[in-house]
Amino acid sequence: MTSAEPDGRGTRRARGLETMSRVYGFEVAEAHGDFMETTVDHLFGDIWTRPGLSFRDRRLLLLGLLAGQHLNDVLDLQIPAALANEEITPAELREIVLFLTHYTGWPQGARLNSQAETHIARHERRKPAGPA
């Protein structure tokens, strides 16, 4: 099956682009080149959309992996997307930071805490003001 052929859940490419946009928190409209096409079709079209784990479950696993590997630049994409998609709350993110600090080491935990607080503050500023 090619990425353009329907598979009962739409086409892999369309599903992959939609899922990738959700994962990263910004629109991904197309994929060019073998690497990106394979990433969109397989990782986001097939793996992220498999039954068995929720989107939130996958995000939590990814956050832990990224923190453990000190991939803070990718965390700067994943944390705001998780907050914007309401997959985690600011309180849950703070708890995640505290938990992961004990496994990733204190310096990485301090960096992760700073990132989390920065993204929480940005997220809170984007929220519409409630009734006065």
C-alpha atoms as a PDB file:
ATOM      1  CA  MET A   1       0.000   0.000   0.000  1.00  0.00           C
ATOM      2  CA  THR A   2       1.296   3.451  -0.866  1.00  0.00           C
ATOM      3  CA  SER A   3       0.772   6.504   1.304  1.00  0.00           C
ATOM      4  CA  ALA A   4      -1.891   7.759  -1.116  1.00  0.00           C
ATOM      5  CA  GLU A   5      -4.058   4.639  -0.966  1.00  0.00           C
ATOM      6  CA  PRO A   6      -6.938   4.597   1.535  1.00  0.00           C
ATOM      7  CA  ASP A   7      -6.502   2.116   4.364  1.00  0.00           C
ATOM      8  CA  GLY A   8      -9.822   2.361   6.182  1.00  0.00           C
ATOM      9  CA  ARG A   9      -8.630   5.342   8.246  1.00  0.00           C
ATOM     10  CA  GLY A  10      -7.991   7.723   5.321  1.00  0.00           C
ATOM     11  CA  THR A  11      -4.670   7.889   3.570  1.00  0.00           C
ATOM     12  CA  ARG A  12      -1.459   7.407   5.530  1.00  0.00           C
ATOM     13  CA  ARG A  13      -0.094  10.721   4.268  1.00  0.00           C
ATOM     14  CA  ALA A  14      -3.165  12.768   5.224  1.00  0.00           C
ATOM     15  CA  ARG A  15      -3.424  11.032   8.603  1.00  0.00           C
ATOM     16  CA  GLY A  16       0.317  11.450   9.146  1.00  0.00           C
ATOM     17  CA  LEU A  17       0.303  15.165   8.330  1.00  0.00           C
ATOM     18  CA  GLU A  18      -2.687  15.768  10.600  1.00  0.00           C
ATOM     19  CA  THR A  19      -1.122  13.790  13.459  1.00  0.00           C
ATOM     20  CA  MET A  20       2.284  15.427  13.027  1.00  0.00           C
ATOM     21  CA  SER A  21       0.642  18.855  13.194  1.00  0.00           C
ATOM     22  CA  ARG A  22      -1.067  17.859  16.438  1.00  0.00           C
ATOM     23  CA  VAL A  23       2.112  16.401  17.937  1.00  0.00           C
ATOM     24  CA  TYR A  24       4.205  19.468  17.150  1.00  0.00           C
ATOM     25  CA  GLY A  25       1.536  22.091  17.746  1.00  0.00           C
ATOM     26  CA  PHE A  26       1.849  23.789  14.356  1.00  0.00           C
ATOM     27  CA  GLU A  27       0.535  22.985  10.899  1.00  0.00           C
ATOM     28  CA  VAL A  28       2.551  20.595   8.790  1.00  0.00           C
ATOM     29  CA  ALA A  29       1.041  20.745   5.313  1.00  0.00           C
ATOM     30  CA  GLU A  30       3.388  18.578   3.256  1.00  0.00           C
ATOM     31  CA  ALA A  31       6.373  16.266   3.332  1.00  0.00           C
ATOM     32  CA  HIS A  32       9.240  16.349   0.849  1.00  0.00           C
ATOM     33  CA  GLY A  33      12.010  13.847   0.393  1.00  0.00           C
ATOM     34  CA  ASP A  34      12.251  10.222   1.404  1.00  0.00           C
ATOM     35  CA  PHE A  35      13.118  10.927   5.057  1.00  0.00           C
ATOM     36  CA  MET A  36      10.195  13.274   5.709  1.00  0.00           C
ATOM     37  CA  GLU A  37       7.738  11.203   3.673  1.00  0.00           C
ATOM     38  CA  THR A  38       8.676   8.072   5.629  1.00  0.00           C
ATOM     39  CA  THR A  39       8.482   9.984   8.914  1.00  0.00           C
ATOM     40  CA  VAL A  40       5.023  11.350   8.097  1.00  0.00           C
ATOM     41  CA  ASP A  41       3.638   8.107   6.687  1.00  0.00           C
ATOM     42  CA  HIS A  42       5.082   5.643   9.178  1.00  0.00           C
ATOM     43  CA  LEU A  43       5.736   7.420  12.482  1.00  0.00           C
ATOM     44  CA  PHE A  44       2.794   9.807  12.411  1.00  0.00           C
ATOM     45  CA  GLY A  45       0.430   7.991  10.017  1.00  0.00           C
ATOM     46  CA  ASP A  46       0.863   4.538  11.520  1.00  0.00           C
ATOM     47  CA  ILE A  47       2.615   4.532  14.905  1.00  0.00           C
ATOM     48  CA  TRP A  48       1.089   7.582  16.630  1.00  0.00           C
ATOM     49  CA  THR A  49      -2.390   6.533  15.464  1.00  0.00           C
ATOM     50  CA  ARG A  50      -2.266   2.894  16.566  1.00  0.00           C
ATOM     51  CA  PRO A  51      -4.838   1.713  19.079  1.00  0.00           C
ATOM     52  CA  GLY A  52      -3.606   0.647  22.494  1.00  0.00           C
ATOM     53  CA  LEU A  53      -2.206   3.907  23.855  1.00  0.00           C
ATOM     54  CA  SER A  54      -3.873   7.268  24.022  1.00  0.00           C
ATOM     55  CA  PHE A  55      -2.317  10.338  22.497  1.00  0.00           C
ATOM     56  CA  ARG A  56      -1.643  11.520  26.056  1.00  0.00           C
ATOM     57  CA  ASP A  57       0.092   8.235  26.927  1.00  0.00           C
ATOM     58  CA  ARG A  58       2.369   8.597  23.924  1.00  0.00           C
ATOM     59  CA  ARG A  59       3.113  12.220  24.818  1.00  0.00           C
ATOM     60  CA  LEU A  60       4.024  11.308  28.403  1.00  0.00           C
ATOM     61  CA  LEU A  61       6.357   8.570  27.206  1.00  0.00           C
ATOM     62  CA  LEU A  62       7.956  10.970  24.752  1.00  0.00           C
ATOM     63  CA  LEU A  63       8.431  13.687  27.390  1.00  0.00           C
ATOM     64  CA  GLY A  64      10.179  11.215  29.685  1.00  0.00           C
ATOM     65  CA  LEU A  65      12.404   9.927  26.910  1.00  0.00           C
ATOM     66  CA  LEU A  66      13.355  13.421  25.756  1.00  0.00           C
ATOM     67  CA  ALA A  67      14.129  14.552  29.304  1.00  0.00           C
ATOM     68  CA  GLY A  68      16.206  11.442  29.943  1.00  0.00           C
ATOM     69  CA  GLN A  69      18.238  12.037  26.807  1.00  0.00           C
ATOM     70  CA  HIS A  70      18.581  15.771  27.555  1.00  0.00           C
ATOM     71  CA  LEU A  71      16.884  16.666  24.259  1.00  0.00           C
ATOM     72  CA  ASN A  72      15.700  20.014  25.543  1.00  0.00           C
ATOM     73  CA  ASP A  73      15.283  21.530  22.084  1.00  0.00           C
ATOM     74  CA  VAL A  74      12.651  18.912  21.230  1.00  0.00           C
ATOM     75  CA  LEU A  75      11.048  19.373  24.655  1.00  0.00           C
ATOM     76  CA  ASP A  76      10.575  23.018  23.650  1.00  0.00           C
ATOM     77  CA  LEU A  77       8.278  21.727  20.897  1.00  0.00           C
ATOM     78  CA  GLN A  78       6.554  18.976  22.870  1.00  0.00           C
ATOM     79  CA  ILE A  79       5.773  20.804  26.123  1.00  0.00           C
ATOM     80  CA  PRO A  80       3.792  23.680  24.603  1.00  0.00           C
ATOM     81  CA  ALA A  81       1.959  21.289  22.263  1.00  0.00           C
ATOM     82  CA  ALA A  82       0.976  19.070  25.211  1.00  0.00           C
ATOM     83  CA  LEU A  83      -0.317  22.105  27.123  1.00  0.00           C
ATOM     84  CA  ALA A  84      -2.149  23.558  24.104  1.00  0.00           C
ATOM     85  CA  ASN A  85      -3.807  20.211  23.331  1.00  0.00           C
ATOM     86  CA  GLU A  86      -4.792  19.929  27.004  1.00  0.00           C
ATOM     87  CA  GLU A  87      -3.063  16.557  27.248  1.00  0.00           C
ATOM     88  CA  ILE A  88      -1.430  17.737  30.460  1.00  0.00           C
ATOM     89  CA  THR A  89      -2.226  20.553  32.848  1.00  0.00           C
ATOM     90  CA  PRO A  90       0.340  22.944  34.300  1.00  0.00           C
ATOM     91  CA  ALA A  91       0.020  21.121  37.647  1.00  0.00           C
ATOM     92  CA  GLU A  92       0.650  17.755  35.958  1.00  0.00           C
ATOM     93  CA  LEU A  93       3.651  19.169  34.102  1.00  0.00           C
ATOM     94  CA  ARG A  94       5.137  20.380  37.386  1.00  0.00           C
ATOM     95  CA  GLU A  95       4.631  16.897  38.860  1.00  0.00           C
ATOM     96  CA  ILE A  96       6.255  15.321  35.793  1.00  0.00           C
ATOM     97  CA  VAL A  97       9.276  17.600  36.248  1.00  0.00           C
ATOM     98  CA  LEU A  98       9.626  16.672  39.899  1.00  0.00           C
ATOM     99  CA  PHE A  99       9.337  12.959  39.124  1.00  0.00           C
ATOM    100  CA  LEU A 100      11.736  12.991  36.166  1.00  0.00           C
ATOM    101  CA  THR A 101      14.340  15.032  38.050  1.00  0.00           C
ATOM    102  CA  HIS A 102      15.048  12.037  40.246  1.00  0.00           C
ATOM    103  CA  TYR A 103      15.791   9.889  37.201  1.00  0.00           C
ATOM    104  CA  THR A 104      17.441  12.383  34.839  1.00  0.00           C
ATOM    105  CA  GLY A 105      19.647  14.066  37.445  1.00  0.00           C
ATOM    106  CA  TRP A 106      19.345  17.366  39.215  1.00  0.00           C
ATOM    107  CA  PRO A 107      21.002  19.597  36.583  1.00  0.00           C
ATOM    108  CA  GLN A 108      18.699  18.257  33.870  1.00  0.00           C
ATOM    109  CA  GLY A 109      15.747  18.531  36.241  1.00  0.00           C
ATOM    110  CA  ALA A 110      16.601  22.167  36.931  1.00  0.00           C
ATOM    111  CA  ARG A 111      16.746  22.834  33.188  1.00  0.00           C
ATOM    112  CA  LEU A 112      13.475  20.963  32.661  1.00  0.00           C
ATOM    113  CA  ASN A 113      11.830  22.930  35.474  1.00  0.00           C
ATOM    114  CA  SER A 114      12.897  26.205  33.891  1.00  0.00           C
ATOM    115  CA  GLN A 115      11.536  25.082  30.525  1.00  0.00           C
ATOM    116  CA  ALA A 116       8.265  23.939  32.048  1.00  0.00           C
ATOM    117  CA  GLU A 117       7.726  27.183  33.938  1.00  0.00           C
ATOM    118  CA  THR A 118       8.513  29.231  30.815  1.00  0.00           C
ATOM    119  CA  HIS A 119       6.010  27.248  28.752  1.00  0.00           C
ATOM    120  CA  ILE A 120       3.387  27.319  31.494  1.00  0.00           C
ATOM    121  CA  ALA A 121       3.690  31.116  31.700  1.00  0.00           C
ATOM    122  CA  ARG A 122       3.313  31.434  27.911  1.00  0.00           C
ATOM    123  CA  HIS A 123       0.374  29.034  27.963  1.00  0.00           C
ATOM    124  CA  GLU A 124      -1.353  30.987  30.740  1.00  0.00           C
ATOM    125  CA  ARG A 125      -0.884  34.282  28.833  1.00  0.00           C
ATOM    126  CA  ARG A 126      -2.575  32.748  25.751  1.00  0.00           C
ATOM    127  CA  LYS A 127      -5.665  31.686  27.676  1.00  0.00           C
ATOM    128  CA  PRO A 128      -8.645  34.001  27.240  1.00  0.00           C
ATOM    129  CA  ALA A 129      -9.483  36.050  30.287  1.00  0.00           C
ATOM    130  CA  GLY A 130     -12.466  34.806  32.276  1.00  0.00           C
ATOM    131  CA  PRO A 131     -15.540  36.874  33.112  1.00  0.00           C
ATOM    132  CA  ALA A 132     -14.889  39.859  35.325  1.00  0.00           C
END
